Amino acid sequence: MMAQAGRTGRQAALAFAAMLAMLVPAAPAAADPGATMFKRLTDNMTRARKVQFCAYVAASGTALAGESPDPAKRAARAAAAARLAARFAPDLAKANAGLSPDDLAAIERENNEVMGLLSYAPSDELAALVEAEGEDADIVGLFADGWMRRCDGLANKLKLPPAPAMTMPAPAFRWRGISAAEAFANTGLAPFADRLCKGEALAAADFAGAPLEERGKDGVSLIDWAMACGDKAGFAALLAAGLDPATPSFFGNLILVRAAEKRDLFYLETLLAAGVKPDALGSAGTALKAAYDTMVPDGGKAWQMLRAGGASLNFPAYDWSMWSTWGLYADWEEMLAHWSEFGSDPVALARSISMDLDRSGGPRGNAAALQEIKARLIAEHGVCFPVGPTFGAPKDERGYILQPDCPTGRR
């Protein structure tokens, strides 16, 4: 059924982290595996190397401060990084005194290696934070927060004086490692992008005169940027200002398709209310397919909303249809539940299910439901099994595959 559909990338990542946890030697009761790994790696360092490593962690926290969609979290991370850097600064100057540029470069490489090892260590603390923050959790930033907290504890063990509490303005939002200035360089969009992601009230007038049809790096649009940082006011204001959501944007995809992947339904609701066609096709397929592929634990509300808005299960290209998607997940029961709407290429579907029918270990999913689909393809659409190769086969005016060697009555 729909709830059995594929996991999100983050769910898969957490499953992978759980697998890695089995590879880590048993820690004392209640110890976090990530904390245990941090201790093991830093215990083998000299005092000077501990100072150099934690100063590097602080610098990483500063660099990653802009990655969170939440301005308050960006400000808090920047302040934590600045405080940690200040705490280690006096001892860092001593540790680095007399070192050559080559020495410092070698230390930086070692720091990178340690960070890499730490990033592979499963962390119960991190898993809980990711679960709490949901699909938009800033995983890399949360890793950095954990490392900074552990370095603060290490500073206590080294008896370094505490640094005063600091407050910092929220750094500019960064998405996929780049700032708005970098994303929209060589366009007229940069000054308008700078208005987004600050948690401020915005209206269509704030984007008057913006060349909304322009695209930045990898095709990113202003509305992509607004959704990435969770700026709902900016998202709605851009639509009101005349941004066309049907124009391809990030990597040629449509904003509707990306919105269908979100747990927060605001973006999808806003787009559908603005009259965006639910069957629009982007570079990654349809919104209906995207919603199903990234089914979140809310029962597939995005999928249901798209269906209520008129999204079709069929598509001229079979591979973009829901029949193709259900076949991919072996969700034969869901396919049968919607069979009355079947209007896609029957031979293409037959070719797809043949891979399960012919599996040496038996088909995936509900075998009886799969056999019922086969029977209906034969009885209702005159498909012949086995299907055989279809590459280069003739097609009808709709683009559907023909079986010229399938005479009437041959089943």
Foldseek 3Di string as FASTA:
>chain_A
DLVLFAAAPVVVVLVLLVVVQVVQPDDPPPDWQLLVLVCVVCVPDDPLLLLVLLLVLLVVLCLCLQAALALVSSFVSNQLSVQSNVQSVVSNCVSCPPPDPVRVVVSVVVSVVSLVVSVSGRTPVLVVQDVVVDPLDPSVSVSSVVSSVSSVVVSVVVVGDGGDGDTDGRDAHDHPSHGLCQFAPPAQCSVLLSVASRPDADALVSCPPHPQLDAGPQFAGSLNSNVSSVPLNSNLRSVVNPRDQLQQGRNFFGVCLVCLLDPPVSNNVSCVVSPDQQLRATPVAGSLLSNSNHPDPPRSVSNVVSVVSPHAQEDLDRCRHVLVVCLVVVVLVVCVVCVVRDDYQLLVSLQSLVVQVPDPVHGPDDNVSSVVSVVCSCPPVVQDPPSPDQVVADADPSRHGDDPVRDPPHD
